Amino acid sequence: MICRWEDVSALAAQLDAEAKGRPVDTDWTRAQVQRLMAVYPEMTNTLGAIAARLATKAA
């Protein structure tokens, strides 16, 4: 799998901010995860876990 860093860098920044306790845009992050799963199906296992966690936060 070849992955462009531009595709994941913004998501990585959001996840890093969340890990540091900073506020994040959960809706944008969840949408980005869904988009990346469509573009990079090889990442579905990892991104799916993130999407599931974000879904519980939104509920």
N, C-alpha and C. Protein backbone atom coordinates (compact mmCIF):
# COMPACT_ATOMS: atom_id res chain seq x y z
N MET A 1 0.84 -1.18 0.00
CA MET A 1 0.00 0.00 0.00
C MET A 1 0.88 1.23 0.00
N ILE A 2 0.58 2.13 -0.88
CA ILE A 2 1.26 3.43 -0.91
C ILE A 2 0.24 4.45 -0.43
N CYS A 3 0.65 5.22 0.55
CA CYS A 3 -0.26 6.19 1.17
C CYS A 3 0.38 7.57 1.09
N ARG A 4 -0.37 8.54 0.67
CA ARG A 4 0.13 9.91 0.64
C ARG A 4 -0.01 10.54 2.02
N TRP A 5 1.06 11.10 2.52
CA TRP A 5 1.05 11.70 3.85
C TRP A 5 -0.01 12.79 3.96
N GLU A 6 -0.22 13.52 2.89
CA GLU A 6 -1.22 14.59 2.91
C GLU A 6 -2.60 14.05 3.27
N ASP A 7 -2.85 12.80 2.89
CA ASP A 7 -4.16 12.20 3.16
C ASP A 7 -4.38 11.90 4.64
N VAL A 8 -3.32 11.69 5.36
CA VAL A 8 -3.48 11.29 6.76
C VAL A 8 -2.96 12.32 7.77
N SER A 9 -2.23 13.33 7.31
CA SER A 9 -1.59 14.26 8.24
C SER A 9 -2.61 15.06 9.06
N ALA A 10 -3.68 15.51 8.43
CA ALA A 10 -4.68 16.28 9.17
C ALA A 10 -5.37 15.41 10.21
N LEU A 11 -5.66 14.16 9.84
CA LEU A 11 -6.27 13.24 10.79
C LEU A 11 -5.30 12.97 11.94
N ALA A 12 -4.04 12.76 11.63
CA ALA A 12 -3.04 12.52 12.67
C ALA A 12 -2.96 13.70 13.63
N ALA A 13 -3.04 14.91 13.11
CA ALA A 13 -3.01 16.10 13.96
C ALA A 13 -4.22 16.14 14.89
N GLN A 14 -5.39 15.78 14.38
CA GLN A 14 -6.60 15.76 15.22
C GLN A 14 -6.48 14.71 16.32
N LEU A 15 -5.99 13.52 15.97
CA LEU A 15 -5.85 12.46 16.96
C LEU A 15 -4.79 12.81 18.00
N ASP A 16 -3.73 13.47 17.57
CA ASP A 16 -2.70 13.91 18.51
C ASP A 16 -3.26 14.95 19.48
N ALA A 17 -4.02 15.89 18.95
CA ALA A 17 -4.63 16.91 19.81
C ALA A 17 -5.59 16.28 20.81
N GLU A 18 -6.37 15.32 20.34
CA GLU A 18 -7.30 14.63 21.23
C GLU A 18 -6.55 13.90 22.34
N ALA A 19 -5.46 13.24 21.98
CA ALA A 19 -4.66 12.51 22.97
C ALA A 19 -4.06 13.45 24.01
N LYS A 20 -3.82 14.69 23.62
CA LYS A 20 -3.26 15.68 24.54
C LYS A 20 -4.33 16.46 25.31
N GLY A 21 -5.59 16.05 25.11
CA GLY A 21 -6.68 16.67 25.85
C GLY A 21 -7.19 17.97 25.26
N ARG A 22 -6.78 18.30 24.06
CA ARG A 22 -7.26 19.51 23.40
C ARG A 22 -8.58 19.22 22.70
N PRO A 23 -9.39 20.23 22.51
CA PRO A 23 -10.67 20.01 21.81
C PRO A 23 -10.43 19.70 20.33
N VAL A 24 -11.24 18.82 19.79
CA VAL A 24 -11.17 18.46 18.37
C VAL A 24 -12.57 18.48 17.77
N ASP A 25 -12.62 18.61 16.48
CA ASP A 25 -13.88 18.57 15.74
C ASP A 25 -14.20 17.11 15.46
N THR A 26 -14.99 16.50 16.31
CA THR A 26 -15.29 15.07 16.21
C THR A 26 -16.01 14.74 14.91
N ASP A 27 -16.91 15.60 14.46
CA ASP A 27 -17.63 15.33 13.21
C ASP A 27 -16.67 15.32 12.03
N TRP A 28 -15.76 16.29 11.97
CA TRP A 28 -14.78 16.33 10.88
C TRP A 28 -13.87 15.12 10.95
N THR A 29 -13.42 14.78 12.15
CA THR A 29 -12.51 13.65 12.32
C THR A 29 -13.18 12.36 11.87
N ARG A 30 -14.42 12.17 12.26
CA ARG A 30 -15.15 10.96 11.86
C ARG A 30 -15.33 10.92 10.34
N ALA A 31 -15.64 12.05 9.72
CA ALA A 31 -15.79 12.11 8.26
C ALA A 31 -14.46 11.81 7.57
N GLN A 32 -13.38 12.31 8.11
CA GLN A 32 -12.06 12.06 7.53
C GLN A 32 -11.70 10.57 7.62
N VAL A 33 -12.02 9.96 8.75
CA VAL A 33 -11.77 8.53 8.91
C VAL A 33 -12.57 7.74 7.87
N GLN A 34 -13.82 8.08 7.69
CA GLN A 34 -14.66 7.38 6.71
C GLN A 34 -14.10 7.56 5.30
N ARG A 35 -13.66 8.75 4.98
CA ARG A 35 -13.08 9.02 3.66
C ARG A 35 -11.82 8.20 3.45
N LEU A 36 -10.95 8.18 4.45
CA LEU A 36 -9.70 7.43 4.32
C LEU A 36 -9.95 5.93 4.21
N MET A 37 -10.98 5.42 4.89
CA MET A 37 -11.31 4.00 4.76
C MET A 37 -11.73 3.68 3.33
N ALA A 38 -12.41 4.62 2.67
CA ALA A 38 -12.82 4.40 1.28
C ALA A 38 -11.62 4.47 0.33
N VAL A 39 -10.71 5.38 0.60
CA VAL A 39 -9.55 5.55 -0.26
C VAL A 39 -8.50 4.46 -0.03
N TYR A 40 -8.32 4.07 1.23
CA TYR A 40 -7.31 3.09 1.61
C TYR A 40 -7.96 1.92 2.35
N PRO A 41 -8.60 1.02 1.64
CA PRO A 41 -9.30 -0.08 2.31
C PRO A 41 -8.36 -0.95 3.15
N GLU A 42 -7.06 -0.92 2.86
CA GLU A 42 -6.10 -1.69 3.65
C GLU A 42 -6.01 -1.19 5.09
N MET A 43 -6.46 0.05 5.31
CA MET A 43 -6.39 0.65 6.65
C MET A 43 -7.70 0.52 7.42
N THR A 44 -8.65 -0.23 6.87
CA THR A 44 -9.98 -0.30 7.47
C THR A 44 -9.96 -0.83 8.90
N ASN A 45 -9.15 -1.81 9.20
CA ASN A 45 -9.12 -2.34 10.58
C ASN A 45 -8.72 -1.26 11.58
N THR A 46 -7.66 -0.54 11.29
CA THR A 46 -7.20 0.51 12.20
C THR A 46 -8.18 1.68 12.23
N LEU A 47 -8.57 2.16 11.05
CA LEU A 47 -9.46 3.31 11.00
C LEU A 47 -10.85 2.96 11.52
N GLY A 48 -11.28 1.73 11.32
CA GLY A 48 -12.58 1.31 11.83
C GLY A 48 -12.66 1.41 13.34
N ALA A 49 -11.57 1.06 14.01
CA ALA A 49 -11.53 1.18 15.47
C ALA A 49 -11.64 2.64 15.90
N ILE A 50 -10.99 3.52 15.16
CA ILE A 50 -11.08 4.95 15.47
C ILE A 50 -12.50 5.44 15.22
N ALA A 51 -13.10 5.03 14.11
CA ALA A 51 -14.47 5.45 13.79
C ALA A 51 -15.44 4.98 14.85
N ALA A 52 -15.27 3.75 15.33
CA ALA A 52 -16.17 3.23 16.37
C ALA A 52 -16.03 4.03 17.67
N ARG A 53 -14.82 4.36 18.01
CA ARG A 53 -14.60 5.17 19.23
C ARG A 53 -15.21 6.55 19.10
N LEU A 54 -15.05 7.16 17.93
CA LEU A 54 -15.62 8.49 17.71
C LEU A 54 -17.14 8.45 17.71
N ALA A 55 -17.72 7.37 17.21
CA ALA A 55 -19.17 7.23 17.19
C ALA A 55 -19.74 7.20 18.61
N THR A 56 -19.02 6.57 19.53
CA THR A 56 -19.51 6.53 20.91
C THR A 56 -19.41 7.90 21.56
N LYS A 57 -18.44 8.72 21.14
CA LYS A 57 -18.33 10.07 21.68
C LYS A 57 -19.47 10.95 21.18
N ALA A 58 -19.89 10.73 19.94
CA ALA A 58 -20.95 11.54 19.35
C ALA A 58 -22.31 11.18 19.92
N ALA A 59 -22.46 9.98 20.41
CA ALA A 59 -23.77 9.52 20.91
C ALA A 59 -24.12 10.14 22.24
